[in-house]
N, C-alpha and C. Protein backbone atom coordinates (compact mmCIF):
# COMPACT_ATOMS: atom_id res chain seq x y z
N MET A 1 0.84 -1.18 0.00
CA MET A 1 0.00 0.00 0.00
C MET A 1 0.88 1.24 0.00
N LEU A 2 0.53 2.19 -0.83
CA LEU A 2 1.26 3.45 -0.95
C LEU A 2 0.69 4.45 0.03
N LYS A 3 1.52 4.96 0.93
CA LYS A 3 1.10 5.94 1.92
C LYS A 3 1.60 7.30 1.47
N VAL A 4 0.66 8.23 1.24
CA VAL A 4 0.99 9.53 0.67
C VAL A 4 0.65 10.66 1.64
N MET A 5 1.61 11.54 1.87
CA MET A 5 1.36 12.79 2.59
C MET A 5 0.84 13.78 1.55
N LEU A 6 -0.31 14.39 1.83
CA LEU A 6 -0.95 15.31 0.90
C LEU A 6 -1.25 16.62 1.61
N PRO A 7 -0.27 17.52 1.69
CA PRO A 7 -0.52 18.82 2.33
C PRO A 7 -1.29 19.74 1.38
N VAL A 8 -2.28 20.44 1.92
CA VAL A 8 -3.06 21.37 1.10
C VAL A 8 -3.06 22.75 1.75
N ASP A 9 -3.20 23.76 0.90
CA ASP A 9 -3.21 25.14 1.40
C ASP A 9 -4.40 25.94 0.88
N GLY A 10 -5.34 25.26 0.23
CA GLY A 10 -6.51 25.95 -0.27
C GLY A 10 -6.37 26.51 -1.68
N SER A 11 -5.20 26.37 -2.27
CA SER A 11 -4.97 26.90 -3.62
C SER A 11 -5.51 25.94 -4.68
N PRO A 12 -5.77 26.46 -5.89
CA PRO A 12 -6.19 25.57 -6.98
C PRO A 12 -5.16 24.46 -7.26
N ASN A 13 -3.87 24.78 -7.14
CA ASN A 13 -2.85 23.76 -7.38
C ASN A 13 -2.90 22.65 -6.32
N ALA A 14 -3.26 23.00 -5.10
CA ALA A 14 -3.39 21.98 -4.06
C ALA A 14 -4.54 21.03 -4.40
N LEU A 15 -5.64 21.56 -4.91
CA LEU A 15 -6.75 20.70 -5.31
C LEU A 15 -6.39 19.85 -6.52
N ARG A 16 -5.55 20.37 -7.40
CA ARG A 16 -5.06 19.55 -8.52
C ARG A 16 -4.20 18.40 -7.98
N ALA A 17 -3.45 18.67 -6.91
CA ALA A 17 -2.65 17.60 -6.30
C ALA A 17 -3.57 16.53 -5.71
N VAL A 18 -4.67 16.95 -5.10
CA VAL A 18 -5.64 15.99 -4.58
C VAL A 18 -6.18 15.13 -5.72
N ASN A 19 -6.55 15.77 -6.82
CA ASN A 19 -7.06 15.02 -7.97
C ASN A 19 -6.01 14.09 -8.57
N TYR A 20 -4.75 14.50 -8.52
CA TYR A 20 -3.66 13.64 -8.99
C TYR A 20 -3.60 12.36 -8.16
N VAL A 21 -3.71 12.51 -6.84
CA VAL A 21 -3.67 11.34 -5.95
C VAL A 21 -4.90 10.45 -6.19
N ILE A 22 -6.05 11.07 -6.42
CA ILE A 22 -7.26 10.30 -6.71
C ILE A 22 -7.06 9.50 -7.99
N GLN A 23 -6.49 10.11 -9.02
CA GLN A 23 -6.23 9.38 -10.27
C GLN A 23 -5.25 8.24 -10.04
N LEU A 24 -4.26 8.48 -9.22
CA LEU A 24 -3.31 7.43 -8.86
C LEU A 24 -4.03 6.25 -8.22
N ALA A 25 -4.95 6.54 -7.32
CA ALA A 25 -5.72 5.49 -6.66
C ALA A 25 -6.61 4.75 -7.65
N ARG A 26 -7.11 5.44 -8.65
CA ARG A 26 -8.00 4.82 -9.64
C ARG A 26 -7.25 3.90 -10.61
N THR A 27 -5.93 4.01 -10.66
CA THR A 27 -5.17 3.13 -11.56
C THR A 27 -5.01 1.74 -10.97
N GLY A 28 -5.55 1.56 -9.79
CA GLY A 28 -5.45 0.25 -9.15
C GLY A 28 -4.47 0.23 -8.01
N SER A 29 -3.70 1.30 -7.84
CA SER A 29 -2.77 1.36 -6.71
C SER A 29 -3.57 1.52 -5.43
N ARG A 30 -3.21 0.76 -4.42
CA ARG A 30 -3.85 0.95 -3.12
C ARG A 30 -3.15 2.12 -2.44
N VAL A 31 -3.91 3.18 -2.23
CA VAL A 31 -3.34 4.43 -1.70
C VAL A 31 -4.07 4.80 -0.41
N THR A 32 -3.28 5.15 0.60
CA THR A 32 -3.81 5.75 1.82
C THR A 32 -3.23 7.15 1.90
N VAL A 33 -4.09 8.10 2.18
CA VAL A 33 -3.69 9.51 2.17
C VAL A 33 -3.66 10.06 3.58
N HIS A 34 -2.59 10.78 3.88
CA HIS A 34 -2.52 11.56 5.11
C HIS A 34 -2.66 13.02 4.69
N LEU A 35 -3.88 13.53 4.80
CA LEU A 35 -4.21 14.90 4.40
C LEU A 35 -3.83 15.85 5.51
N ALA A 36 -3.15 16.94 5.16
CA ALA A 36 -2.70 17.86 6.20
C ALA A 36 -2.76 19.31 5.74
N HIS A 37 -3.01 20.18 6.70
CA HIS A 37 -2.83 21.62 6.48
C HIS A 37 -1.87 22.09 7.55
N ALA A 38 -0.88 22.86 7.14
CA ALA A 38 0.13 23.35 8.08
C ALA A 38 0.08 24.86 8.16
N HIS A 39 0.27 25.36 9.36
CA HIS A 39 0.37 26.81 9.54
C HIS A 39 1.39 27.11 10.63
N GLU A 40 1.90 28.31 10.58
CA GLU A 40 2.90 28.74 11.56
C GLU A 40 2.28 28.86 12.94
N GLU A 41 3.12 28.78 13.95
CA GLU A 41 2.70 29.01 15.33
C GLU A 41 2.22 30.46 15.44
N PRO A 42 1.08 30.69 16.12
CA PRO A 42 0.61 32.08 16.25
C PRO A 42 1.58 32.92 17.09
N LEU A 43 1.78 34.14 16.64
CA LEU A 43 2.65 35.06 17.37
C LEU A 43 1.81 36.21 17.91
N LEU A 44 2.00 36.52 19.17
CA LEU A 44 1.30 37.65 19.77
C LEU A 44 2.31 38.75 20.02
N TYR A 45 2.10 39.87 19.38
CA TYR A 45 3.01 40.99 19.52
C TYR A 45 2.43 42.04 20.46
N GLY A 46 3.28 42.55 21.31
CA GLY A 46 2.94 43.68 22.16
C GLY A 46 1.61 43.55 22.87
N GLU A 47 0.77 44.56 22.70
CA GLU A 47 -0.49 44.63 23.42
C GLU A 47 -1.59 43.79 22.80
N LEU A 48 -1.31 43.15 21.66
CA LEU A 48 -2.33 42.32 21.02
C LEU A 48 -2.84 41.24 21.97
N GLY A 49 -1.96 40.73 22.82
CA GLY A 49 -2.33 39.70 23.78
C GLY A 49 -3.38 40.16 24.78
N ILE A 50 -3.52 41.45 24.96
CA ILE A 50 -4.55 41.98 25.86
C ILE A 50 -5.93 41.78 25.25
N PHE A 51 -6.02 41.91 23.94
CA PHE A 51 -7.30 41.87 23.24
C PHE A 51 -7.67 40.48 22.72
N VAL A 52 -6.66 39.71 22.34
CA VAL A 52 -6.90 38.38 21.77
C VAL A 52 -5.96 37.39 22.45
N SER A 53 -6.55 36.38 23.07
CA SER A 53 -5.71 35.40 23.76
C SER A 53 -5.11 34.42 22.76
N LYS A 54 -4.06 33.75 23.21
CA LYS A 54 -3.42 32.73 22.37
C LYS A 54 -4.42 31.62 22.03
N GLU A 55 -5.28 31.29 22.99
CA GLU A 55 -6.30 30.27 22.76
C GLU A 55 -7.28 30.70 21.68
N GLN A 56 -7.67 31.98 21.68
CA GLN A 56 -8.59 32.49 20.65
C GLN A 56 -7.95 32.44 19.27
N ILE A 57 -6.69 32.80 19.20
CA ILE A 57 -5.98 32.75 17.92
C ILE A 57 -5.86 31.31 17.45
N ALA A 58 -5.53 30.40 18.35
CA ALA A 58 -5.42 28.98 17.99
C ALA A 58 -6.77 28.45 17.49
N GLU A 59 -7.86 28.86 18.13
CA GLU A 59 -9.19 28.44 17.70
C GLU A 59 -9.50 28.98 16.30
N LEU A 60 -9.16 30.22 16.04
CA LEU A 60 -9.38 30.81 14.72
C LEU A 60 -8.54 30.09 13.66
N GLN A 61 -7.30 29.77 14.00
CA GLN A 61 -6.45 29.05 13.05
C GLN A 61 -6.98 27.65 12.78
N GLU A 62 -7.52 27.00 13.80
CA GLU A 62 -8.09 25.67 13.60
C GLU A 62 -9.31 25.74 12.67
N LYS A 63 -10.16 26.73 12.89
CA LYS A 63 -11.33 26.90 12.01
C LYS A 63 -10.87 27.16 10.57
N HIS A 64 -9.85 27.99 10.42
CA HIS A 64 -9.32 28.26 9.08
C HIS A 64 -8.78 26.99 8.45
N SER A 65 -8.02 26.21 9.21
CA SER A 65 -7.46 24.96 8.70
C SER A 65 -8.56 23.99 8.28
N GLU A 66 -9.61 23.88 9.09
CA GLU A 66 -10.73 22.99 8.75
C GLU A 66 -11.38 23.45 7.44
N ALA A 67 -11.50 24.76 7.25
CA ALA A 67 -12.08 25.28 6.01
C ALA A 67 -11.18 24.98 4.81
N VAL A 68 -9.88 25.06 5.01
CA VAL A 68 -8.92 24.74 3.93
C VAL A 68 -8.99 23.25 3.59
N LEU A 69 -9.11 22.40 4.59
CA LEU A 69 -9.14 20.95 4.38
C LEU A 69 -10.45 20.46 3.75
N ALA A 70 -11.54 21.16 3.98
CA ALA A 70 -12.88 20.69 3.59
C ALA A 70 -13.00 20.32 2.10
N PRO A 71 -12.57 21.16 1.15
CA PRO A 71 -12.72 20.78 -0.26
C PRO A 71 -11.92 19.52 -0.63
N ALA A 72 -10.72 19.38 -0.06
CA ALA A 72 -9.91 18.19 -0.33
C ALA A 72 -10.56 16.96 0.28
N GLU A 73 -11.10 17.10 1.49
CA GLU A 73 -11.80 15.99 2.13
C GLU A 73 -12.97 15.52 1.27
N LYS A 74 -13.73 16.47 0.74
CA LYS A 74 -14.89 16.11 -0.08
C LYS A 74 -14.46 15.34 -1.33
N LEU A 75 -13.42 15.82 -2.00
CA LEU A 75 -12.93 15.12 -3.19
C LEU A 75 -12.49 13.69 -2.86
N LEU A 76 -11.75 13.53 -1.79
CA LEU A 76 -11.26 12.21 -1.40
C LEU A 76 -12.41 11.29 -0.97
N ARG A 77 -13.34 11.85 -0.21
CA ARG A 77 -14.48 11.07 0.25
C ARG A 77 -15.32 10.61 -0.94
N ASP A 78 -15.62 11.54 -1.87
CA ASP A 78 -16.42 11.21 -3.05
C ASP A 78 -15.74 10.15 -3.91
N ALA A 79 -14.41 10.17 -3.95
CA ALA A 79 -13.66 9.20 -4.74
C ALA A 79 -13.40 7.90 -3.97
N LYS A 80 -13.84 7.86 -2.72
CA LYS A 80 -13.66 6.68 -1.85
C LYS A 80 -12.18 6.33 -1.64
N VAL A 81 -11.37 7.35 -1.55
CA VAL A 81 -9.95 7.17 -1.25
C VAL A 81 -9.78 7.34 0.26
N PRO A 82 -9.28 6.32 0.96
CA PRO A 82 -9.14 6.42 2.42
C PRO A 82 -8.12 7.50 2.81
N PHE A 83 -8.48 8.24 3.85
CA PHE A 83 -7.58 9.30 4.33
C PHE A 83 -7.79 9.55 5.80
N VAL A 84 -6.76 10.13 6.39
CA VAL A 84 -6.86 10.72 7.73
C VAL A 84 -6.37 12.15 7.57
N LYS A 85 -6.81 13.01 8.45
CA LYS A 85 -6.40 14.42 8.33
C LYS A 85 -5.76 14.90 9.61
N GLU A 86 -4.98 15.95 9.45
CA GLU A 86 -4.25 16.50 10.59
C GLU A 86 -3.93 17.96 10.31
N ILE A 87 -3.88 18.73 11.38
CA ILE A 87 -3.44 20.12 11.30
C ILE A 87 -2.06 20.18 11.93
N LEU A 88 -1.09 20.67 11.17
CA LEU A 88 0.29 20.76 11.64
C LEU A 88 0.60 22.20 12.01
N VAL A 89 1.30 22.40 13.10
CA VAL A 89 1.64 23.75 13.56
C VAL A 89 3.15 23.87 13.69
N GLY A 90 3.68 24.92 13.09
CA GLY A 90 5.12 25.18 13.17
C GLY A 90 5.63 25.62 11.82
N PRO A 91 6.95 25.63 11.65
CA PRO A 91 7.51 26.00 10.34
C PRO A 91 6.96 25.03 9.29
N ILE A 92 6.26 25.54 8.30
CA ILE A 92 5.42 24.73 7.43
C ILE A 92 6.19 23.63 6.70
N ALA A 93 7.20 23.98 5.95
CA ALA A 93 7.93 22.97 5.18
C ALA A 93 8.57 21.92 6.09
N GLU A 94 9.14 22.38 7.18
CA GLU A 94 9.79 21.47 8.11
C GLU A 94 8.79 20.50 8.73
N ARG A 95 7.62 21.00 9.11
CA ARG A 95 6.59 20.15 9.72
C ARG A 95 6.07 19.12 8.72
N ILE A 96 5.86 19.54 7.46
CA ILE A 96 5.37 18.61 6.44
C ILE A 96 6.38 17.48 6.24
N ALA A 97 7.63 17.83 6.01
CA ALA A 97 8.66 16.82 5.76
C ALA A 97 8.85 15.91 6.98
N ALA A 98 8.90 16.49 8.16
CA ALA A 98 9.11 15.70 9.38
C ALA A 98 7.93 14.77 9.65
N ARG A 99 6.72 15.27 9.47
CA ARG A 99 5.54 14.44 9.74
C ARG A 99 5.43 13.29 8.74
N ALA A 100 5.76 13.56 7.48
CA ALA A 100 5.75 12.48 6.48
C ALA A 100 6.75 11.40 6.88
N GLU A 101 7.90 11.80 7.37
CA GLU A 101 8.91 10.85 7.83
C GLU A 101 8.40 10.06 9.04
N GLU A 102 7.83 10.76 10.02
CA GLU A 102 7.30 10.10 11.23
C GLU A 102 6.24 9.06 10.88
N LEU A 103 5.41 9.36 9.90
CA LEU A 103 4.31 8.47 9.52
C LEU A 103 4.74 7.34 8.60
N GLY A 104 5.98 7.39 8.13
CA GLY A 104 6.46 6.37 7.21
C GLY A 104 5.84 6.49 5.83
N CYS A 105 5.55 7.72 5.41
CA CYS A 105 4.96 7.93 4.09
C CYS A 105 5.98 7.56 3.01
N HIS A 106 5.46 7.04 1.91
CA HIS A 106 6.30 6.67 0.77
C HIS A 106 6.53 7.85 -0.17
N ALA A 107 5.65 8.85 -0.10
CA ALA A 107 5.75 10.00 -1.00
C ALA A 107 4.99 11.18 -0.42
N ILE A 108 5.35 12.36 -0.91
CA ILE A 108 4.61 13.59 -0.62
C ILE A 108 4.13 14.10 -1.97
N VAL A 109 2.85 14.43 -2.05
CA VAL A 109 2.28 15.03 -3.26
C VAL A 109 1.67 16.35 -2.84
N MET A 110 2.09 17.43 -3.49
CA MET A 110 1.59 18.75 -3.10
C MET A 110 1.56 19.69 -4.29
N GLY A 111 0.71 20.68 -4.19
CA GLY A 111 0.62 21.71 -5.22
C GLY A 111 1.72 22.73 -5.05
N THR A 112 1.96 23.45 -6.14
CA THR A 112 2.89 24.58 -6.08
C THR A 112 2.08 25.84 -6.26
N ARG A 113 2.62 26.94 -5.88
CA ARG A 113 1.95 28.22 -6.07
C ARG A 113 2.21 28.78 -7.47
N GLY A 114 3.18 28.19 -8.17
CA GLY A 114 3.47 28.65 -9.52
C GLY A 114 4.09 30.02 -9.58
N MET A 115 4.91 30.38 -8.59
CA MET A 115 5.53 31.70 -8.57
C MET A 115 6.55 31.88 -9.68
N GLY A 116 7.10 30.79 -10.15
CA GLY A 116 8.13 30.90 -11.17
C GLY A 116 9.51 30.92 -10.55
N SER A 117 10.52 30.76 -11.40
CA SER A 117 11.88 30.61 -10.88
C SER A 117 12.40 31.87 -10.21
N ILE A 118 12.04 33.04 -10.68
CA ILE A 118 12.54 34.27 -10.05
C ILE A 118 11.93 34.44 -8.67
N GLY A 119 10.62 34.18 -8.54
CA GLY A 119 9.98 34.26 -7.22
C GLY A 119 10.59 33.26 -6.25
N ASN A 120 10.84 32.04 -6.73
CA ASN A 120 11.45 31.03 -5.86
C ASN A 120 12.86 31.43 -5.46
N LEU A 121 13.60 32.02 -6.41
CA LEU A 121 14.97 32.43 -6.12
C LEU A 121 15.00 33.50 -5.04
N LEU A 122 14.10 34.47 -5.15
CA LEU A 122 14.10 35.59 -4.22
C LEU A 122 13.47 35.23 -2.87
N MET A 123 12.36 34.50 -2.90
CA MET A 123 11.61 34.27 -1.68
C MET A 123 11.68 32.83 -1.18
N GLY A 124 11.96 31.90 -2.06
CA GLY A 124 11.84 30.49 -1.68
C GLY A 124 10.37 30.13 -1.67
N SER A 125 10.07 28.89 -1.51
CA SER A 125 8.68 28.49 -1.42
C SER A 125 8.60 27.26 -0.54
N VAL A 126 7.41 27.02 -0.03
CA VAL A 126 7.21 25.85 0.82
C VAL A 126 7.54 24.59 0.04
N SER A 127 7.04 24.49 -1.20
CA SER A 127 7.27 23.27 -1.98
C SER A 127 8.76 23.05 -2.23
N THR A 128 9.50 24.10 -2.53
CA THR A 128 10.94 23.97 -2.75
C THR A 128 11.64 23.49 -1.48
N LYS A 129 11.24 24.04 -0.35
CA LYS A 129 11.85 23.63 0.92
C LYS A 129 11.52 22.18 1.24
N VAL A 130 10.27 21.76 0.97
CA VAL A 130 9.88 20.37 1.22
C VAL A 130 10.73 19.43 0.38
N VAL A 131 10.94 19.79 -0.90
CA VAL A 131 11.78 18.95 -1.78
C VAL A 131 13.15 18.75 -1.17
N HIS A 132 13.72 19.80 -0.61
CA HIS A 132 15.06 19.71 -0.05
C HIS A 132 15.11 18.99 1.30
N LEU A 133 14.01 19.05 2.06
CA LEU A 133 14.00 18.45 3.40
C LEU A 133 13.51 17.00 3.42
N ALA A 134 12.70 16.63 2.47
CA ALA A 134 12.06 15.31 2.51
C ALA A 134 13.06 14.19 2.21
N THR A 135 12.80 13.06 2.85
CA THR A 135 13.65 11.87 2.63
C THR A 135 12.97 10.89 1.68
N MET A 136 11.78 11.25 1.19
CA MET A 136 11.04 10.41 0.26
C MET A 136 10.74 11.22 -0.99
N PRO A 137 10.30 10.58 -2.07
CA PRO A 137 10.00 11.32 -3.30
C PRO A 137 8.90 12.37 -3.06
N VAL A 138 9.03 13.50 -3.73
CA VAL A 138 8.06 14.58 -3.66
C VAL A 138 7.58 14.87 -5.09
N THR A 139 6.27 14.82 -5.27
CA THR A 139 5.67 15.17 -6.56
C THR A 139 5.00 16.53 -6.41
N LEU A 140 5.39 17.47 -7.27
CA LEU A 140 4.79 18.80 -7.26
C LEU A 140 3.82 18.92 -8.40
N VAL A 141 2.63 19.42 -8.12
CA VAL A 141 1.57 19.52 -9.12
C VAL A 141 1.25 20.99 -9.34
N ARG A 142 1.22 21.36 -10.64
CA ARG A 142 0.86 22.74 -11.00
C ARG A 142 -0.50 22.77 -11.61
């Protein structure tokens, strides 16, 4: 059985990555998906903590993550592809690569933002960082 880490960020390319994994499963490969959304640890600056607690920010981030995961969940459920989901917190690329390793995933499949080589050169991207950090094959979908 092929175990795939499938991080999503709500972008059209992320949903194309979900569809790619669904097509892979339809070819007869037995695929189990670990669906994930990753976000940075919330930071409270200065007096912001007086007005919004860390717990409130965490709750808002969880709601946001659930909303990001929902379209991918629907696609996987409709296609009858087994999956589990998780919200990862911390440096995004590092958490994705580390969690895939912890779970014993055989591959990571994820969308790209399509910034292009100049954008990647200047800013870097999550997908580029995951490629460099992962110990398993990474498929990028545009």
